[in-house]
Amino acid sequence: MSGPRFLTLADVAEVLNTSTAQVYALVRRGELPAIKIGGRGQWRVESEQLESYIQQQYVATRQFVDAHPFTEVDEGADELR
């Protein structure tokens, strides 16, 4: 990833195509490492940490897919699983 070293939670939300609230939850649960800076305690995620998180999610997804093979029953199912 090229660009700034640190990203705001809004920047991360844009990259992941999700909400800022969801990114905040990932940070607060410790799933996505971040730092708090400044007097107002603004969160920042290092771009390398974001890339690492994305790669971990690929691994987790592969493990899920391997453990839960696709069947014809799954066709047309929502993404919500």
PDB file of N, CA and C in Angstrom:
ATOM      1  N   MET A   1       0.856  -1.172   0.000  1.00  0.00           N
ATOM      2  CA  MET A   1       0.000   0.000   0.000  1.00  0.00           C
ATOM      3  C   MET A   1       0.899   1.231   0.000  1.00  0.00           C
ATOM      4  N   SER A   2       0.687   2.093  -0.963  1.00  0.00           N
ATOM      5  CA  SER A   2       1.440   3.344  -0.977  1.00  0.00           C
ATOM      6  C   SER A   2       0.564   4.430  -0.374  1.00  0.00           C
ATOM      7  N   GLY A   3       1.208   5.482   0.066  1.00  0.00           N
ATOM      8  CA  GLY A   3       0.427   6.554   0.683  1.00  0.00           C
ATOM      9  C   GLY A   3       0.945   6.844   2.066  1.00  0.00           C
ATOM     10  N   PRO A   4       0.104   7.481   2.886  1.00  0.00           N
ATOM     11  CA  PRO A   4       0.546   7.860   4.222  1.00  0.00           C
ATOM     12  C   PRO A   4       0.799   6.639   5.107  1.00  0.00           C
ATOM     13  N   ARG A   5       1.710   6.820   6.059  1.00  0.00           N
ATOM     14  CA  ARG A   5       2.026   5.723   6.983  1.00  0.00           C
ATOM     15  C   ARG A   5       0.845   5.419   7.898  1.00  0.00           C
ATOM     16  N   PHE A   6       0.157   6.461   8.372  1.00  0.00           N
ATOM     17  CA  PHE A   6      -0.958   6.275   9.288  1.00  0.00           C
ATOM     18  C   PHE A   6      -2.264   6.723   8.647  1.00  0.00           C
ATOM     19  N   LEU A   7      -3.323   5.978   8.938  1.00  0.00           N
ATOM     20  CA  LEU A   7      -4.643   6.244   8.383  1.00  0.00           C
ATOM     21  C   LEU A   7      -5.630   6.533   9.509  1.00  0.00           C
ATOM     22  N   THR A   8      -6.578   7.405   9.234  1.00  0.00           N
ATOM     23  CA  THR A   8      -7.673   7.622  10.176  1.00  0.00           C
ATOM     24  C   THR A   8      -8.622   6.423  10.103  1.00  0.00           C
ATOM     25  N   LEU A   9      -9.511   6.321  11.082  1.00  0.00           N
ATOM     26  CA  LEU A   9     -10.493   5.239  11.032  1.00  0.00           C
ATOM     27  C   LEU A   9     -11.405   5.382   9.816  1.00  0.00           C
ATOM     28  N   ALA A  10     -11.682   6.619   9.429  1.00  0.00           N
ATOM     29  CA  ALA A  10     -12.496   6.852   8.222  1.00  0.00           C
ATOM     30  C   ALA A  10     -11.758   6.366   6.973  1.00  0.00           C
ATOM     31  N   ASP A  11     -10.441   6.594   6.927  1.00  0.00           N
ATOM     32  CA  ASP A  11      -9.638   6.100   5.794  1.00  0.00           C
ATOM     33  C   ASP A  11      -9.693   4.576   5.724  1.00  0.00           C
ATOM     34  N   VAL A  12      -9.538   3.938   6.881  1.00  0.00           N
ATOM     35  CA  VAL A  12      -9.570   2.476   6.941  1.00  0.00           C
ATOM     36  C   VAL A  12     -10.945   1.968   6.517  1.00  0.00           C
ATOM     37  N   ALA A  13     -11.992   2.630   6.969  1.00  0.00           N
ATOM     38  CA  ALA A  13     -13.354   2.241   6.587  1.00  0.00           C
ATOM     39  C   ALA A  13     -13.524   2.304   5.074  1.00  0.00           C
ATOM     40  N   GLU A  14     -12.958   3.320   4.466  1.00  0.00           N
ATOM     41  CA  GLU A  14     -13.053   3.445   3.006  1.00  0.00           C
ATOM     42  C   GLU A  14     -12.325   2.296   2.314  1.00  0.00           C
ATOM     43  N   VAL A  15     -11.132   1.968   2.785  1.00  0.00           N
ATOM     44  CA  VAL A  15     -10.355   0.868   2.193  1.00  0.00           C
ATOM     45  C   VAL A  15     -11.121  -0.447   2.318  1.00  0.00           C
ATOM     46  N   LEU A  16     -11.707  -0.696   3.488  1.00  0.00           N
ATOM     47  CA  LEU A  16     -12.413  -1.948   3.734  1.00  0.00           C
ATOM     48  C   LEU A  16     -13.870  -1.917   3.262  1.00  0.00           C
ATOM     49  N   ASN A  17     -14.311  -0.769   2.773  1.00  0.00           N
ATOM     50  CA  ASN A  17     -15.689  -0.595   2.316  1.00  0.00           C
ATOM     51  C   ASN A  17     -16.679  -0.981   3.419  1.00  0.00           C
ATOM     52  N   THR A  18     -16.457  -0.389   4.587  1.00  0.00           N
ATOM     53  CA  THR A  18     -17.310  -0.625   5.743  1.00  0.00           C
ATOM     54  C   THR A  18     -17.510   0.695   6.477  1.00  0.00           C
ATOM     55  N   SER A  19     -18.143   0.658   7.609  1.00  0.00           N
ATOM     56  CA  SER A  19     -18.399   1.896   8.355  1.00  0.00           C
ATOM     57  C   SER A  19     -17.249   2.214   9.312  1.00  0.00           C
ATOM     58  N   THR A  20     -17.154   3.477   9.665  1.00  0.00           N
ATOM     59  CA  THR A  20     -16.179   3.902  10.665  1.00  0.00           C
ATOM     60  C   THR A  20     -16.472   3.222  11.995  1.00  0.00           C
ATOM     61  N   ALA A  21     -17.741   3.046  12.327  1.00  0.00           N
ATOM     62  CA  ALA A  21     -18.119   2.364  13.571  1.00  0.00           C
ATOM     63  C   ALA A  21     -17.605   0.925  13.591  1.00  0.00           C
ATOM     64  N   GLN A  22     -17.668   0.247  12.460  1.00  0.00           N
ATOM     65  CA  GLN A  22     -17.165  -1.127  12.382  1.00  0.00           C
ATOM     66  C   GLN A  22     -15.652  -1.149  12.576  1.00  0.00           C
ATOM     67  N   VAL A  23     -14.946  -0.202  11.979  1.00  0.00           N
ATOM     68  CA  VAL A  23     -13.490  -0.124  12.152  1.00  0.00           C
ATOM     69  C   VAL A  23     -13.158   0.172  13.606  1.00  0.00           C
ATOM     70  N   TYR A  24     -13.888   1.088  14.222  1.00  0.00           N
ATOM     71  CA  TYR A  24     -13.676   1.408  15.630  1.00  0.00           C
ATOM     72  C   TYR A  24     -13.846   0.144  16.480  1.00  0.00           C
ATOM     73  N   ALA A  25     -14.860  -0.649  16.187  1.00  0.00           N
ATOM     74  CA  ALA A  25     -15.094  -1.896  16.929  1.00  0.00           C
ATOM     75  C   ALA A  25     -13.917  -2.859  16.741  1.00  0.00           C
ATOM     76  N   LEU A  26     -13.386  -2.965  15.537  1.00  0.00           N
ATOM     77  CA  LEU A  26     -12.223  -3.826  15.287  1.00  0.00           C
ATOM     78  C   LEU A  26     -11.024  -3.377  16.119  1.00  0.00           C
ATOM     79  N   VAL A  27     -10.824  -2.065  16.183  1.00  0.00           N
ATOM     80  CA  VAL A  27      -9.714  -1.504  16.959  1.00  0.00           C
ATOM     81  C   VAL A  27      -9.925  -1.764  18.450  1.00  0.00           C
ATOM     82  N   ARG A  28     -11.115  -1.482  18.950  1.00  0.00           N
ATOM     83  CA  ARG A  28     -11.378  -1.627  20.381  1.00  0.00           C
ATOM     84  C   ARG A  28     -11.334  -3.083  20.836  1.00  0.00           C
ATOM     85  N   ARG A  29     -11.675  -4.015  19.941  1.00  0.00           N
ATOM     86  CA  ARG A  29     -11.588  -5.442  20.275  1.00  0.00           C
ATOM     87  C   ARG A  29     -10.155  -5.964  20.153  1.00  0.00           C
ATOM     88  N   GLY A  30      -9.264  -5.139  19.608  1.00  0.00           N
ATOM     89  CA  GLY A  30      -7.873  -5.556  19.458  1.00  0.00           C
ATOM     90  C   GLY A  30      -7.599  -6.372  18.206  1.00  0.00           C
ATOM     91  N   GLU A  31      -8.569  -6.459  17.316  1.00  0.00           N
ATOM     92  CA  GLU A  31      -8.390  -7.218  16.084  1.00  0.00           C
ATOM     93  C   GLU A  31      -7.546  -6.457  15.067  1.00  0.00           C
ATOM     94  N   LEU A  32      -7.633  -5.140  15.114  1.00  0.00           N
ATOM     95  CA  LEU A  32      -6.875  -4.282  14.214  1.00  0.00           C
ATOM     96  C   LEU A  32      -6.029  -3.341  15.071  1.00  0.00           C
ATOM     97  N   PRO A  33      -4.718  -3.576  15.130  1.00  0.00           N
ATOM     98  CA  PRO A  33      -3.862  -2.727  15.964  1.00  0.00           C
ATOM     99  C   PRO A  33      -3.904  -1.267  15.523  1.00  0.00           C
ATOM    100  N   ALA A  34      -3.958  -0.377  16.506  1.00  0.00           N
ATOM    101  CA  ALA A  34      -3.996   1.063  16.245  1.00  0.00           C
ATOM    102  C   ALA A  34      -3.331   1.787  17.407  1.00  0.00           C
ATOM    103  N   ILE A  35      -3.073   3.066  17.197  1.00  0.00           N
ATOM    104  CA  ILE A  35      -2.530   3.904  18.263  1.00  0.00           C
ATOM    105  C   ILE A  35      -3.469   5.080  18.465  1.00  0.00           C
ATOM    106  N   LYS A  36      -3.417   5.625  19.674  1.00  0.00           N
ATOM    107  CA  LYS A  36      -4.193   6.819  20.006  1.00  0.00           C
ATOM    108  C   LYS A  36      -3.202   7.966  20.136  1.00  0.00           C
ATOM    109  N   ILE A  37      -3.463   9.072  19.440  1.00  0.00           N
ATOM    110  CA  ILE A  37      -2.524  10.188  19.467  1.00  0.00           C
ATOM    111  C   ILE A  37      -3.229  11.487  19.827  1.00  0.00           C
ATOM    112  N   GLY A  38      -2.451  12.426  20.289  1.00  0.00           N
ATOM    113  CA  GLY A  38      -2.967  13.767  20.557  1.00  0.00           C
ATOM    114  C   GLY A  38      -3.811  13.864  21.803  1.00  0.00           C
ATOM    115  N   GLY A  39      -4.081  15.111  22.183  1.00  0.00           N
ATOM    116  CA  GLY A  39      -4.868  15.389  23.376  1.00  0.00           C
ATOM    117  C   GLY A  39      -6.289  14.881  23.286  1.00  0.00           C
ATOM    118  N   ARG A  40      -6.826  14.812  22.083  1.00  0.00           N
ATOM    119  CA  ARG A  40      -8.194  14.333  21.901  1.00  0.00           C
ATOM    120  C   ARG A  40      -8.252  12.823  21.678  1.00  0.00           C
ATOM    121  N   GLY A  41      -7.069  12.184  21.668  1.00  0.00           N
ATOM    122  CA  GLY A  41      -7.016  10.735  21.534  1.00  0.00           C
ATOM    123  C   GLY A  41      -7.568  10.202  20.233  1.00  0.00           C
ATOM    124  N   GLN A  42      -7.117  10.769  19.135  1.00  0.00           N
ATOM    125  CA  GLN A  42      -7.576  10.305  17.830  1.00  0.00           C
ATOM    126  C   GLN A  42      -6.865   9.010  17.461  1.00  0.00           C
ATOM    127  N   TRP A  43      -7.623   8.070  16.927  1.00  0.00           N
ATOM    128  CA  TRP A  43      -7.077   6.773  16.545  1.00  0.00           C
ATOM    129  C   TRP A  43      -6.411   6.849  15.178  1.00  0.00           C
ATOM    130  N   ARG A  44      -5.298   6.131  15.055  1.00  0.00           N
ATOM    131  CA  ARG A  44      -4.616   5.999  13.774  1.00  0.00           C
ATOM    132  C   ARG A  44      -4.192   4.547  13.594  1.00  0.00           C
ATOM    133  N   VAL A  45      -4.340   4.055  12.377  1.00  0.00           N
ATOM    134  CA  VAL A  45      -3.945   2.691  12.026  1.00  0.00           C
ATOM    135  C   VAL A  45      -2.789   2.788  11.035  1.00  0.00           C
ATOM    136  N   GLU A  46      -1.709   2.112  11.357  1.00  0.00           N
ATOM    137  CA  GLU A  46      -0.568   2.104  10.449  1.00  0.00           C
ATOM    138  C   GLU A  46      -0.943   1.286   9.213  1.00  0.00           C
ATOM    139  N   SER A  47      -0.596   1.783   8.044  1.00  0.00           N
ATOM    140  CA  SER A  47      -0.989   1.111   6.801  1.00  0.00           C
ATOM    141  C   SER A  47      -0.469  -0.323   6.747  1.00  0.00           C
ATOM    142  N   GLU A  48       0.718  -0.587   7.307  1.00  0.00           N
ATOM    143  CA  GLU A  48       1.240  -1.961   7.342  1.00  0.00           C
ATOM    144  C   GLU A  48       0.376  -2.859   8.216  1.00  0.00           C
ATOM    145  N   GLN A  49      -0.157  -2.319   9.312  1.00  0.00           N
ATOM    146  CA  GLN A  49      -1.052  -3.091  10.173  1.00  0.00           C
ATOM    147  C   GLN A  49      -2.354  -3.413   9.447  1.00  0.00           C
ATOM    148  N   LEU A  50      -2.849  -2.469   8.663  1.00  0.00           N
ATOM    149  CA  LEU A  50      -4.061  -2.709   7.887  1.00  0.00           C
ATOM    150  C   LEU A  50      -3.822  -3.820   6.874  1.00  0.00           C
ATOM    151  N   GLU A  51      -2.706  -3.767   6.180  1.00  0.00           N
ATOM    152  CA  GLU A  51      -2.393  -4.814   5.201  1.00  0.00           C
ATOM    153  C   GLU A  51      -2.266  -6.178   5.876  1.00  0.00           C
ATOM    154  N   SER A  52      -1.645  -6.210   7.048  1.00  0.00           N
ATOM    155  CA  SER A  52      -1.513  -7.455   7.800  1.00  0.00           C
ATOM    156  C   SER A  52      -2.889  -7.988   8.195  1.00  0.00           C
ATOM    157  N   TYR A  53      -3.764  -7.094   8.654  1.00  0.00           N
ATOM    158  CA  TYR A  53      -5.121  -7.481   9.020  1.00  0.00           C
ATOM    159  C   TYR A  53      -5.853  -8.080   7.816  1.00  0.00           C
ATOM    160  N   ILE A  54      -5.726  -7.443   6.680  1.00  0.00           N
ATOM    161  CA  ILE A  54      -6.385  -7.942   5.463  1.00  0.00           C
ATOM    162  C   ILE A  54      -5.872  -9.337   5.120  1.00  0.00           C
ATOM    163  N   GLN A  55      -4.564  -9.544   5.189  1.00  0.00           N
ATOM    164  CA  GLN A  55      -3.998 -10.864   4.896  1.00  0.00           C
ATOM    165  C   GLN A  55      -4.497 -11.915   5.895  1.00  0.00           C
ATOM    166  N   GLN A  56      -4.600 -11.534   7.168  1.00  0.00           N
ATOM    167  CA  GLN A  56      -5.129 -12.458   8.177  1.00  0.00           C
ATOM    168  C   GLN A  56      -6.570 -12.839   7.868  1.00  0.00           C
ATOM    169  N   GLN A  57      -7.336 -11.891   7.355  1.00  0.00           N
ATOM    170  CA  GLN A  57      -8.733 -12.174   7.017  1.00  0.00           C
ATOM    171  C   GLN A  57      -8.829 -13.122   5.826  1.00  0.00           C
ATOM    172  N   TYR A  58      -7.891 -13.016   4.883  1.00  0.00           N
ATOM    173  CA  TYR A  58      -7.852 -13.980   3.780  1.00  0.00           C
ATOM    174  C   TYR A  58      -7.600 -15.387   4.317  1.00  0.00           C
ATOM    175  N   VAL A  59      -6.672 -15.518   5.257  1.00  0.00           N
ATOM    176  CA  VAL A  59      -6.369 -16.822   5.857  1.00  0.00           C
ATOM    177  C   VAL A  59      -7.592 -17.353   6.605  1.00  0.00           C
ATOM    178  N   ALA A  60      -8.215 -16.502   7.430  1.00  0.00           N
ATOM    179  CA  ALA A  60      -9.390 -16.919   8.196  1.00  0.00           C
ATOM    180  C   ALA A  60     -10.532 -17.333   7.274  1.00  0.00           C
ATOM    181  N   THR A  61     -10.708 -16.589   6.188  1.00  0.00           N
ATOM    182  CA  THR A  61     -11.768 -16.917   5.239  1.00  0.00           C
ATOM    183  C   THR A  61     -11.485 -18.242   4.555  1.00  0.00           C
ATOM    184  N   ARG A  62     -10.234 -18.475   4.180  1.00  0.00           N
ATOM    185  CA  ARG A  62      -9.855 -19.746   3.546  1.00  0.00           C
ATOM    186  C   ARG A  62     -10.133 -20.901   4.499  1.00  0.00           C
ATOM    187  N   GLN A  63      -9.803 -20.728   5.777  1.00  0.00           N
ATOM    188  CA  GLN A  63     -10.065 -21.779   6.769  1.00  0.00           C
ATOM    189  C   GLN A  63     -11.562 -22.032   6.907  1.00  0.00           C
ATOM    190  N   PHE A  64     -12.357 -20.968   6.902  1.00  0.00           N
ATOM    191  CA  PHE A  64     -13.806 -21.120   6.980  1.00  0.00           C
ATOM    192  C   PHE A  64     -14.337 -21.872   5.759  1.00  0.00           C
ATOM    193  N   VAL A  65     -13.876 -21.480   4.578  1.00  0.00           N
ATOM    194  CA  VAL A  65     -14.331 -22.120   3.343  1.00  0.00           C
ATOM    195  C   VAL A  65     -13.934 -23.594   3.337  1.00  0.00           C
ATOM    196  N   ASP A  66     -12.721 -23.888   3.776  1.00  0.00           N
ATOM    197  CA  ASP A  66     -12.267 -25.285   3.820  1.00  0.00           C
ATOM    198  C   ASP A  66     -13.095 -26.108   4.804  1.00  0.00           C
ATOM    199  N   ALA A  67     -13.463 -25.503   5.930  1.00  0.00           N
ATOM    200  CA  ALA A  67     -14.234 -26.211   6.954  1.00  0.00           C
ATOM    201  C   ALA A  67     -15.720 -26.299   6.616  1.00  0.00           C
ATOM    202  N   HIS A  68     -16.186 -25.424   5.734  1.00  0.00           N
ATOM    203  CA  HIS A  68     -17.609 -25.376   5.363  1.00  0.00           C
ATOM    204  C   HIS A  68     -17.725 -25.352   3.838  1.00  0.00           C
ATOM    205  N   PRO A  69     -17.519 -26.511   3.196  1.00  0.00           N
ATOM    206  CA  PRO A  69     -17.551 -26.547   1.727  1.00  0.00           C
ATOM    207  C   PRO A  69     -18.880 -26.038   1.165  1.00  0.00           C
ATOM    208  N   PHE A  70     -18.799 -25.403   0.033  1.00  0.00           N
ATOM    209  CA  PHE A  70     -19.972 -24.880  -0.662  1.00  0.00           C
ATOM    210  C   PHE A  70     -20.809 -26.045  -1.171  1.00  0.00           C
ATOM    211  N   THR A  71     -22.119 -25.941  -0.998  1.00  0.00           N
ATOM    212  CA  THR A  71     -23.030 -26.955  -1.520  1.00  0.00           C
ATOM    213  C   THR A  71     -24.127 -26.258  -2.311  1.00  0.00           C
ATOM    214  N   GLU A  72     -24.907 -27.026  -3.042  1.00  0.00           N
ATOM    215  CA  GLU A  72     -25.999 -26.442  -3.824  1.00  0.00           C
ATOM    216  C   GLU A  72     -27.009 -25.735  -2.931  1.00  0.00           C
ATOM    217  N   VAL A  73     -27.142 -26.160  -1.687  1.00  0.00           N
ATOM    218  CA  VAL A  73     -28.058 -25.521  -0.743  1.00  0.00           C
ATOM    219  C   VAL A  73     -27.636 -24.076  -0.502  1.00  0.00           C
ATOM    220  N   ASP A  74     -26.329 -23.814  -0.583  1.00  0.00           N
ATOM    221  CA  ASP A  74     -25.801 -22.478  -0.344  1.00  0.00           C
ATOM    222  C   ASP A  74     -26.081 -21.504  -1.487  1.00  0.00           C
ATOM    223  N   GLU A  75     -26.396 -22.000  -2.675  1.00  0.00           N
ATOM    224  CA  GLU A  75     -26.620 -21.094  -3.796  1.00  0.00           C
ATOM    225  C   GLU A  75     -27.724 -20.111  -3.485  1.00  0.00           C
ATOM    226  N   GLY A  76     -27.459 -18.859  -3.749  1.00  0.00           N
ATOM    227  CA  GLY A  76     -28.433 -17.822  -3.503  1.00  0.00           C
ATOM    228  C   GLY A  76     -28.491 -17.364  -2.058  1.00  0.00           C
ATOM    229  N   ALA A  77     -27.655 -17.931  -1.192  1.00  0.00           N
ATOM    230  CA  ALA A  77     -27.652 -17.524   0.224  1.00  0.00           C
ATOM    231  C   ALA A  77     -27.073 -16.136   0.352  1.00  0.00           C
ATOM    232  N   ASP A  78     -27.484 -15.428   1.389  1.00  0.00           N
ATOM    233  CA  ASP A  78     -26.984 -14.081   1.656  1.00  0.00           C
ATOM    234  C   ASP A  78     -25.528 -14.126   2.044  1.00  0.00           C
ATOM    235  N   GLU A  79     -24.849 -12.975   1.916  1.00  0.00           N
ATOM    236  CA  GLU A  79     -23.471 -12.813   2.360  1.00  0.00           C
ATOM    237  C   GLU A  79     -23.373 -12.767   3.875  1.00  0.00           C
ATOM    238  N   LEU A  80     -24.482 -12.704   4.558  1.00  0.00           N
ATOM    239  CA  LEU A  80     -24.494 -12.427   5.990  1.00  0.00           C
ATOM    240  C   LEU A  80     -23.899 -13.540   6.840  1.00  0.00           C
ATOM    241  N   ARG A  81     -23.618 -14.654   6.268  1.00  0.00           N
ATOM    242  CA  ARG A  81     -23.059 -15.736   7.086  1.00  0.00           C
ATOM    243  C   ARG A  81     -21.648 -15.459   7.460  1.00  0.00           C
TER     244      ARG A  81
END
